[in-house]
PDB file of N, CA and C in Angstrom:
ATOM      1  N   MET A   1      39.061 -10.197  13.981  1.00  0.00           N
ATOM      2  CA  MET A   1      39.554 -10.091  12.304  1.00  0.00           C
ATOM      3  C   MET A   1      40.304  -8.996  12.266  1.00  0.00           C
ATOM      4  N   ALA A   2      41.470  -8.931  13.564  1.00  0.00           N
ATOM      5  CA  ALA A   2      42.706  -8.340  13.353  1.00  0.00           C
ATOM      6  C   ALA A   2      44.052  -9.556  12.762  1.00  0.00           C
ATOM      7  N   PRO A   3      44.549  -8.553  12.206  1.00  0.00           N
ATOM      8  CA  PRO A   3      45.167  -7.480  11.728  1.00  0.00           C
ATOM      9  C   PRO A   3      44.171  -6.774  10.642  1.00  0.00           C
ATOM     10  N   THR A   4      43.531  -7.322  10.263  1.00  0.00           N
ATOM     11  CA  THR A   4      42.431  -6.410   9.001  1.00  0.00           C
ATOM     12  C   THR A   4      41.220  -5.298   9.161  1.00  0.00           C
ATOM     13  N   TYR A   5      41.129  -5.728  10.621  1.00  0.00           N
ATOM     14  CA  TYR A   5      40.317  -4.861  11.065  1.00  0.00           C
ATOM     15  C   TYR A   5      40.544  -4.255  12.549  1.00  0.00           C
ATOM     16  N   SER A   6      40.784  -3.004  12.995  1.00  0.00           N
ATOM     17  CA  SER A   6      41.009  -2.468  13.974  1.00  0.00           C
ATOM     18  C   SER A   6      39.965  -2.055  15.049  1.00  0.00           C
ATOM     19  N   ALA A   7      39.935  -1.910  16.258  1.00  0.00           N
ATOM     20  CA  ALA A   7      38.692  -1.399  16.904  1.00  0.00           C
ATOM     21  C   ALA A   7      38.582  -0.063  16.170  1.00  0.00           C
ATOM     22  N   GLY A   8      37.780   0.712  16.113  1.00  0.00           N
ATOM     23  CA  GLY A   8      37.398   1.593  16.203  1.00  0.00           C
ATOM     24  C   GLY A   8      37.325   1.564  13.983  1.00  0.00           C
ATOM     25  N   ASP A   9      37.654   1.097  13.621  1.00  0.00           N
ATOM     26  CA  ASP A   9      37.171   1.190  12.440  1.00  0.00           C
ATOM     27  C   ASP A   9      35.745   1.680  11.858  1.00  0.00           C
ATOM     28  N   TRP A  10      35.443   1.542  11.368  1.00  0.00           N
ATOM     29  CA  TRP A  10      33.770   1.734  10.616  1.00  0.00           C
ATOM     30  C   TRP A  10      33.696   0.952   9.259  1.00  0.00           C
ATOM     31  N   LEU A  11      32.956   0.101   9.692  1.00  0.00           N
ATOM     32  CA  LEU A  11      32.387  -1.000   8.658  1.00  0.00           C
ATOM     33  C   LEU A  11      30.879  -0.950   8.049  1.00  0.00           C
ATOM     34  N   VAL A  12      30.773  -0.313   6.664  1.00  0.00           N
ATOM     35  CA  VAL A  12      30.004  -0.547   5.694  1.00  0.00           C
ATOM     36  C   VAL A  12      29.554  -2.183   5.387  1.00  0.00           C
ATOM     37  N   ILE A  13      28.067  -2.313   5.644  1.00  0.00           N
ATOM     38  CA  ILE A  13      28.155  -3.490   5.577  1.00  0.00           C
ATOM     39  C   ILE A  13      26.401  -3.661   5.146  1.00  0.00           C
ATOM     40  N   ARG A  14      26.129  -5.007   3.953  1.00  0.00           N
ATOM     41  CA  ARG A  14      25.033  -4.635   3.232  1.00  0.00           C
ATOM     42  C   ARG A  14      24.380  -6.218   4.280  1.00  0.00           C
ATOM     43  N   TYR A  15      23.060  -6.523   4.937  1.00  0.00           N
ATOM     44  CA  TYR A  15      22.788  -7.020   4.998  1.00  0.00           C
ATOM     45  C   TYR A  15      22.089  -8.046   4.094  1.00  0.00           C
ATOM     46  N   LEU A  16      21.802  -9.443   4.296  1.00  0.00           N
ATOM     47  CA  LEU A  16      21.777 -10.915   3.227  1.00  0.00           C
ATOM     48  C   LEU A  16      20.265 -10.820   3.178  1.00  0.00           C
ATOM     49  N   SER A  17      19.237 -10.518   4.531  1.00  0.00           N
ATOM     50  CA  SER A  17      17.782 -11.021   4.394  1.00  0.00           C
ATOM     51  C   SER A  17      17.365 -10.325   3.091  1.00  0.00           C
ATOM     52  N   GLY A  18      16.160 -11.235   3.379  1.00  0.00           N
ATOM     53  CA  GLY A  18      15.300 -10.515   2.094  1.00  0.00           C
ATOM     54  C   GLY A  18      14.741 -11.109   0.687  1.00  0.00           C
ATOM     55  N   ARG A  19      16.283 -11.384   0.566  1.00  0.00           N
ATOM     56  CA  ARG A  19      16.621 -12.242  -1.059  1.00  0.00           C
ATOM     57  C   ARG A  19      17.714 -13.796  -1.614  1.00  0.00           C
ATOM     58  N   GLU A  20      17.973 -13.994  -2.316  1.00  0.00           N
ATOM     59  CA  GLU A  20      18.328 -15.141  -2.621  1.00  0.00           C
ATOM     60  C   GLU A  20      19.850 -14.042  -2.597  1.00  0.00           C
ATOM     61  N   HIS A  21      21.335 -14.230  -1.555  1.00  0.00           N
ATOM     62  CA  HIS A  21      22.727 -13.876  -2.174  1.00  0.00           C
ATOM     63  C   HIS A  21      23.532 -15.085  -2.393  1.00  0.00           C
ATOM     64  N   THR A  22      24.255 -14.599  -3.224  1.00  0.00           N
ATOM     65  CA  THR A  22      25.586 -15.616  -3.659  1.00  0.00           C
ATOM     66  C   THR A  22      26.590 -14.795  -2.615  1.00  0.00           C
ATOM     67  N   LEU A  23      27.583 -15.964  -2.138  1.00  0.00           N
ATOM     68  CA  LEU A  23      28.303 -15.760  -1.220  1.00  0.00           C
ATOM     69  C   LEU A  23      29.773 -16.053  -2.264  1.00  0.00           C
ATOM     70  N   ALA A  24      30.735 -14.546  -1.910  1.00  0.00           N
ATOM     71  CA  ALA A  24      31.568 -14.764  -2.724  1.00  0.00           C
ATOM     72  C   ALA A  24      32.645 -15.250  -1.647  1.00  0.00           C
ATOM     73  N   ILE A  25      33.625 -16.533  -2.201  1.00  0.00           N
ATOM     74  CA  ILE A  25      35.079 -17.162  -1.660  1.00  0.00           C
ATOM     75  C   ILE A  25      35.875 -15.753  -1.679  1.00  0.00           C
ATOM     76  N   GLY A  26      36.207 -16.043  -0.292  1.00  0.00           N
ATOM     77  CA  GLY A  26      37.159 -14.252  -0.276  1.00  0.00           C
ATOM     78  C   GLY A  26      36.587 -13.001   0.540  1.00  0.00           C
ATOM     79  N   GLY A  27      35.315 -13.094   0.435  1.00  0.00           N
ATOM     80  CA  GLY A  27      34.666 -11.932   1.051  1.00  0.00           C
ATOM     81  C   GLY A  27      34.250 -12.128   2.702  1.00  0.00           C
ATOM     82  N   VAL A  28      34.731 -10.760   3.347  1.00  0.00           N
ATOM     83  CA  VAL A  28      34.029 -11.276   4.617  1.00  0.00           C
ATOM     84  C   VAL A  28      33.068 -10.428   5.667  1.00  0.00           C
ATOM     85  N   TYR A  29      31.956 -11.807   6.087  1.00  0.00           N
ATOM     86  CA  TYR A  29      30.674 -11.816   6.273  1.00  0.00           C
ATOM     87  C   TYR A  29      30.439 -12.095   8.128  1.00  0.00           C
ATOM     88  N   LEU A  30      29.494 -10.225   8.168  1.00  0.00           N
ATOM     89  CA  LEU A  30      29.264 -10.521   9.133  1.00  0.00           C
ATOM     90  C   LEU A  30      28.137 -11.816  10.119  1.00  0.00           C
ATOM     91  N   ILE A  31      28.622 -13.059  10.304  1.00  0.00           N
ATOM     92  CA  ILE A  31      27.821 -14.194  11.315  1.00  0.00           C
ATOM     93  C   ILE A  31      27.912 -14.367  12.381  1.00  0.00           C
ATOM     94  N   GLU A  32      26.656 -15.094  12.632  1.00  0.00           N
ATOM     95  CA  GLU A  32      26.225 -15.158  14.536  1.00  0.00           C
ATOM     96  C   GLU A  32      27.508 -16.473  14.593  1.00  0.00           C
ATOM     97  N   ASP A  33      28.104 -16.668  15.718  1.00  0.00           N
ATOM     98  CA  ASP A  33      28.729 -17.665  16.157  1.00  0.00           C
ATOM     99  C   ASP A  33      27.749 -19.269  16.667  1.00  0.00           C
ATOM    100  N   PRO A  34      28.053 -19.599  15.837  1.00  0.00           N
ATOM    101  CA  PRO A  34      27.435 -21.095  15.860  1.00  0.00           C
ATOM    102  C   PRO A  34      27.130 -21.476  17.365  1.00  0.00           C
ATOM    103  N   ILE A  35      27.989 -21.420  18.066  1.00  0.00           N
ATOM    104  CA  ILE A  35      28.520 -21.604  19.673  1.00  0.00           C
ATOM    105  C   ILE A  35      27.400 -21.548  20.392  1.00  0.00           C
ATOM    106  N   ARG A  36      27.677 -19.942  20.514  1.00  0.00           N
ATOM    107  CA  ARG A  36      26.786 -18.932  21.504  1.00  0.00           C
ATOM    108  C   ARG A  36      26.336 -17.740  20.386  1.00  0.00           C
ATOM    109  N   PRO A  37      25.136 -18.617  20.230  1.00  0.00           N
ATOM    110  CA  PRO A  37      23.775 -17.687  19.333  1.00  0.00           C
ATOM    111  C   PRO A  37      23.342 -15.954  19.740  1.00  0.00           C
ATOM    112  N   GLY A  38      23.575 -15.262  18.991  1.00  0.00           N
ATOM    113  CA  GLY A  38      23.142 -13.337  18.944  1.00  0.00           C
ATOM    114  C   GLY A  38      24.365 -13.015  19.537  1.00  0.00           C
ATOM    115  N   ILE A  39      26.071 -13.975  19.469  1.00  0.00           N
ATOM    116  CA  ILE A  39      26.950 -13.018  19.299  1.00  0.00           C
ATOM    117  C   ILE A  39      27.284 -13.113  17.730  1.00  0.00           C
ATOM    118  N   LYS A  40      28.311 -11.659  17.466  1.00  0.00           N
ATOM    119  CA  LYS A  40      28.355 -11.863  16.000  1.00  0.00           C
ATOM    120  C   LYS A  40      30.124 -11.327  15.632  1.00  0.00           C
ATOM    121  N   LEU A  41      30.146 -12.263  15.045  1.00  0.00           N
ATOM    122  CA  LEU A  41      31.343 -12.023  14.482  1.00  0.00           C
ATOM    123  C   LEU A  41      31.856 -11.905  13.242  1.00  0.00           C
ATOM    124  N   LEU A  42      33.029 -11.102  12.429  1.00  0.00           N
ATOM    125  CA  LEU A  42      32.940 -11.031  11.230  1.00  0.00           C
ATOM    126  C   LEU A  42      34.598 -12.408  11.183  1.00  0.00           C
ATOM    127  N   LYS A  43      34.464 -12.995  10.150  1.00  0.00           N
ATOM    128  CA  LYS A  43      34.836 -13.875   9.286  1.00  0.00           C
ATOM    129  C   LYS A  43      35.055 -13.840   7.636  1.00  0.00           C
ATOM    130  N   ARG A  44      35.625 -14.687   7.246  1.00  0.00           N
ATOM    131  CA  ARG A  44      36.243 -14.673   6.107  1.00  0.00           C
ATOM    132  C   ARG A  44      35.661 -15.348   5.363  1.00  0.00           C
ATOM    133  N   LEU A  45      35.177 -16.007   4.300  1.00  0.00           N
ATOM    134  CA  LEU A  45      34.436 -17.104   3.451  1.00  0.00           C
ATOM    135  C   LEU A  45      36.135 -17.812   2.654  1.00  0.00           C
ATOM    136  N   LYS A  46      36.431 -18.812   3.462  1.00  0.00           N
ATOM    137  CA  LYS A  46      37.347 -19.546   2.576  1.00  0.00           C
ATOM    138  C   LYS A  46      37.091 -20.500   1.448  1.00  0.00           C
ATOM    139  N   GLU A  47      35.736 -21.641   1.567  1.00  0.00           N
ATOM    140  CA  GLU A  47      35.429 -22.525   0.431  1.00  0.00           C
ATOM    141  C   GLU A  47      34.357 -22.613   1.139  1.00  0.00           C
ATOM    142  N   THR A  48      33.462 -23.029  -0.021  1.00  0.00           N
ATOM    143  CA  THR A  48      31.730 -24.219  -0.315  1.00  0.00           C
ATOM    144  C   THR A  48      32.339 -25.254  -0.055  1.00  0.00           C
ATOM    145  N   ARG A  49      31.476 -25.793   0.201  1.00  0.00           N
ATOM    146  CA  ARG A  49      31.005 -27.961  -0.183  1.00  0.00           C
ATOM    147  C   ARG A  49      29.263 -27.555  -0.400  1.00  0.00           C
ATOM    148  N   MET A  50      29.150 -28.640  -1.269  1.00  0.00           N
ATOM    149  CA  MET A  50      28.067 -29.198  -1.539  1.00  0.00           C
ATOM    150  C   MET A  50      27.927 -31.000  -0.841  1.00  0.00           C
ATOM    151  N   GLU A  51      27.080 -31.146   0.266  1.00  0.00           N
ATOM    152  CA  GLU A  51      26.703 -32.344   0.841  1.00  0.00           C
ATOM    153  C   GLU A  51      25.115 -32.457   0.636  1.00  0.00           C
ATOM    154  N   HIS A  52      24.914 -33.790  -0.102  1.00  0.00           N
ATOM    155  CA  HIS A  52      23.561 -34.194   0.050  1.00  0.00           C
ATOM    156  C   HIS A  52      22.452 -33.161  -0.183  1.00  0.00           C
ATOM    157  N   GLY A  53      23.127 -32.474  -1.530  1.00  0.00           N
ATOM    158  CA  GLY A  53      21.718 -31.110  -1.843  1.00  0.00           C
ATOM    159  C   GLY A  53      22.553 -29.898  -1.194  1.00  0.00           C
ATOM    160  N   ASN A  54      22.761 -30.023   0.190  1.00  0.00           N
ATOM    161  CA  ASN A  54      23.089 -28.536   0.966  1.00  0.00           C
ATOM    162  C   ASN A  54      24.421 -27.793   0.834  1.00  0.00           C
ATOM    163  N   ILE A  55      24.647 -26.020   0.602  1.00  0.00           N
ATOM    164  CA  ILE A  55      26.083 -26.331   0.713  1.00  0.00           C
ATOM    165  C   ILE A  55      26.314 -25.790   2.455  1.00  0.00           C
ATOM    166  N   SER A  56      27.332 -25.880   2.305  1.00  0.00           N
ATOM    167  CA  SER A  56      28.189 -25.546   4.286  1.00  0.00           C
ATOM    168  C   SER A  56      29.335 -24.197   3.659  1.00  0.00           C
ATOM    169  N   TYR A  57      29.313 -24.183   4.317  1.00  0.00           N
ATOM    170  CA  TYR A  57      30.740 -22.692   4.410  1.00  0.00           C
ATOM    171  C   TYR A  57      31.606 -22.824   5.083  1.00  0.00           C
ATOM    172  N   TRP A  58      33.098 -23.020   5.105  1.00  0.00           N
ATOM    173  CA  TRP A  58      34.592 -22.819   5.578  1.00  0.00           C
ATOM    174  C   TRP A  58      34.233 -21.534   6.366  1.00  0.00           C
ATOM    175  N   VAL A  59      34.488 -20.759   7.538  1.00  0.00           N
ATOM    176  CA  VAL A  59      34.526 -19.503   7.508  1.00  0.00           C
ATOM    177  C   VAL A  59      36.175 -19.171   8.495  1.00  0.00           C
ATOM    178  N   GLU A  60      36.832 -18.625   8.115  1.00  0.00           N
ATOM    179  CA  GLU A  60      38.168 -18.864   8.880  1.00  0.00           C
ATOM    180  C   GLU A  60      38.261 -16.645   9.893  1.00  0.00           C
ATOM    181  N   GLY A  61      39.068 -15.923  10.755  1.00  0.00           N
ATOM    182  CA  GLY A  61      39.541 -15.025  11.293  1.00  0.00           C
ATOM    183  C   GLY A  61      40.591 -14.857  10.353  1.00  0.00           C
ATOM    184  N   ASP A  62      41.236 -13.778  10.072  1.00  0.00           N
ATOM    185  CA  ASP A  62      42.337 -13.249   9.753  1.00  0.00           C
ATOM    186  C   ASP A  62      43.564 -13.820  10.718  1.00  0.00           C
ATOM    187  N   ASN A  63      42.722 -13.802  12.135  1.00  0.00           N
ATOM    188  CA  ASN A  63      43.852 -14.048  13.295  1.00  0.00           C
ATOM    189  C   ASN A  63      43.527 -15.590  13.525  1.00  0.00           C
ATOM    190  N   LEU A  64      44.562 -16.082  13.550  1.00  0.00           N
ATOM    191  CA  LEU A  64      44.965 -17.359  13.322  1.00  0.00           C
ATOM    192  C   LEU A  64      44.073 -17.781  15.296  1.00  0.00           C
ATOM    193  N   GLN A  65      44.457 -17.101  16.071  1.00  0.00           N
ATOM    194  CA  GLN A  65      44.044 -17.579  17.819  1.00  0.00           C
ATOM    195  C   GLN A  65      42.250 -17.304  17.612  1.00  0.00           C
ATOM    196  N   SER A  66      41.731 -16.540  16.307  1.00  0.00           N
ATOM    197  CA  SER A  66      39.861 -16.318  16.651  1.00  0.00           C
ATOM    198  C   SER A  66      39.298 -17.868  16.830  1.00  0.00           C
ATOM    199  N   ALA A  67      37.869 -17.816  16.989  1.00  0.00           N
ATOM    200  CA  ALA A  67      37.332 -18.306  17.300  1.00  0.00           C
ATOM    201  C   ALA A  67      36.475 -19.220  15.711  1.00  0.00           C
ATOM    202  N   ASP A  68      35.916 -19.785  14.897  1.00  0.00           N
ATOM    203  CA  ASP A  68      35.907 -20.160  13.745  1.00  0.00           C
ATOM    204  C   ASP A  68      35.484 -21.337  13.075  1.00  0.00           C
ATOM    205  N   SER A  69      35.902 -21.333  11.898  1.00  0.00           N
ATOM    206  CA  SER A  69      35.721 -22.816  11.383  1.00  0.00           C
ATOM    207  C   SER A  69      36.304 -24.157  11.654  1.00  0.00           C
ATOM    208  N   ARG A  70      37.567 -23.796  12.086  1.00  0.00           N
ATOM    209  CA  ARG A  70      39.200 -24.377  12.901  1.00  0.00           C
ATOM    210  C   ARG A  70      38.841 -25.182  14.275  1.00  0.00           C
ATOM    211  N   GLN A  71      37.423 -24.995  15.016  1.00  0.00           N
ATOM    212  CA  GLN A  71      36.486 -25.601  15.786  1.00  0.00           C
ATOM    213  C   GLN A  71      35.900 -25.862  15.819  1.00  0.00           C
ATOM    214  N   TRP A  72      34.157 -24.992  15.073  1.00  0.00           N
ATOM    215  CA  TRP A  72      33.241 -25.317  14.631  1.00  0.00           C
ATOM    216  C   TRP A  72      32.871 -26.401  13.804  1.00  0.00           C
ATOM    217  N   GLY A  73      33.648 -26.368  12.689  1.00  0.00           N
ATOM    218  CA  GLY A  73      33.668 -26.663  11.529  1.00  0.00           C
ATOM    219  C   GLY A  73      32.763 -26.217  10.670  1.00  0.00           C
ATOM    220  N   TRP A  74      31.818 -26.809   9.476  1.00  0.00           N
ATOM    221  CA  TRP A  74      31.306 -25.985   8.259  1.00  0.00           C
ATOM    222  C   TRP A  74      29.800 -25.651   9.426  1.00  0.00           C
ATOM    223  N   VAL A  75      29.467 -24.441   8.860  1.00  0.00           N
ATOM    224  CA  VAL A  75      28.681 -23.916   8.948  1.00  0.00           C
ATOM    225  C   VAL A  75      27.101 -23.679   8.042  1.00  0.00           C
ATOM    226  N   GLU A  76      26.104 -23.148   8.713  1.00  0.00           N
ATOM    227  CA  GLU A  76      25.082 -23.433   7.071  1.00  0.00           C
ATOM    228  C   GLU A  76      25.265 -21.601   6.847  1.00  0.00           C
ATOM    229  N   LYS A  77      24.547 -21.775   6.038  1.00  0.00           N
ATOM    230  CA  LYS A  77      23.900 -20.103   5.009  1.00  0.00           C
ATOM    231  C   LYS A  77      23.529 -19.152   6.131  1.00  0.00           C
ATOM    232  N   ASP A  78      22.473 -19.956   7.110  1.00  0.00           N
ATOM    233  CA  ASP A  78      21.013 -19.311   7.804  1.00  0.00           C
ATOM    234  C   ASP A  78      22.424 -18.689   8.939  1.00  0.00           C
ATOM    235  N   ARG A  79      23.444 -18.320   9.006  1.00  0.00           N
ATOM    236  CA  ARG A  79      24.470 -17.661   9.686  1.00  0.00           C
ATOM    237  C   ARG A  79      24.908 -16.617   9.070  1.00  0.00           C
ATOM    238  N   PHE A  80      25.033 -16.230   8.075  1.00  0.00           N
ATOM    239  CA  PHE A  80      25.159 -15.015   7.875  1.00  0.00           C
ATOM    240  C   PHE A  80      24.350 -13.797   7.548  1.00  0.00           C
ATOM    241  N   ILE A  81      24.801 -12.456   8.232  1.00  0.00           N
ATOM    242  CA  ILE A  81      23.827 -12.134   8.682  1.00  0.00           C
ATOM    243  C   ILE A  81      23.945 -10.674   7.481  1.00  0.00           C
ATOM    244  N   ALA A  82      25.266 -10.359   7.359  1.00  0.00           N
ATOM    245  CA  ALA A  82      25.902  -9.168   6.762  1.00  0.00           C
ATOM    246  C   ALA A  82      27.311  -9.128   5.665  1.00  0.00           C
ATOM    247  N   LYS A  83      27.329  -8.574   4.387  1.00  0.00           N
ATOM    248  CA  LYS A  83      28.283  -8.479   4.058  1.00  0.00           C
ATOM    249  C   LYS A  83      29.338  -6.807   4.114  1.00  0.00           C
ATOM    250  N   VAL A  84      30.692  -7.381   4.735  1.00  0.00           N
ATOM    251  CA  VAL A  84      31.327  -6.046   4.646  1.00  0.00           C
ATOM    252  C   VAL A  84      31.814  -5.945   3.265  1.00  0.00           C
ATOM    253  N   LEU A  85      31.106  -4.135   2.930  1.00  0.00           N
ATOM    254  CA  LEU A  85      31.675  -4.335   2.194  1.00  0.00           C
ATOM    255  C   LEU A  85      33.054  -3.239   1.237  1.00  0.00           C
ATOM    256  N   PHE A  86      33.031  -2.033   3.260  1.00  0.00           N
ATOM    257  CA  PHE A  86      34.443  -1.603   2.720  1.00  0.00           C
ATOM    258  C   PHE A  86      34.348  -0.499   4.611  1.00  0.00           C
ATOM    259  N   ARG A  87      35.766  -0.205   4.979  1.00  0.00           N
ATOM    260  CA  ARG A  87      35.784   0.620   5.731  1.00  0.00           C
ATOM    261  C   ARG A  87      36.546   1.241   6.175  1.00  0.00           C
ATOM    262  N   TYR A  88      36.297   2.288   7.004  1.00  0.00           N
ATOM    263  CA  TYR A  88      36.376   3.564   7.025  1.00  0.00           C
ATOM    264  C   TYR A  88      37.802   3.292   7.822  1.00  0.00           C
ATOM    265  N   ARG A  89      39.058   3.919   7.792  1.00  0.00           N
ATOM    266  CA  ARG A  89      40.000   3.407   9.230  1.00  0.00           C
ATOM    267  C   ARG A  89      39.768   4.577  10.162  1.00  0.00           C
ATOM    268  N   ARG A  90      40.433   4.127  11.678  1.00  0.00           N
ATOM    269  CA  ARG A  90      40.219   5.154  12.160  1.00  0.00           C
ATOM    270  C   ARG A  90      41.569   5.828  12.375  1.00  0.00           C
ATOM    271  N   ALA A  91      41.339   6.833  12.268  1.00  0.00           N
ATOM    272  CA  ALA A  91      42.512   8.159  12.696  1.00  0.00           C
ATOM    273  C   ALA A  91      43.460   7.922  13.758  1.00  0.00           C
ATOM    274  N   ASN A  92      44.697   7.792  13.183  1.00  0.00           N
ATOM    275  CA  ASN A  92      45.559   7.797  14.339  1.00  0.00           C
ATOM    276  C   ASN A  92      45.921   9.143  14.858  1.00  0.00           C
TER     277      ASN A  92
END
């Protein structure tokens, strides 16, 4: 998620498991990579769509070179692990 987040930044997150959560456009989320299960990535929620009664989500990294929905397409809600609440920036 460079340049928004940098190596060494500490993130405070809220896990999404255990109850229904509303995902907010513009929010940054920890998601599981749909291509590489077990790999966790930070992505910004850009768009939602409803199709056949199911909601899908379009996520992108802030870096144009990041792997995200531009390569994967729409992702399902079960890929979302946590929401980033805020960050402590590392001291330079």
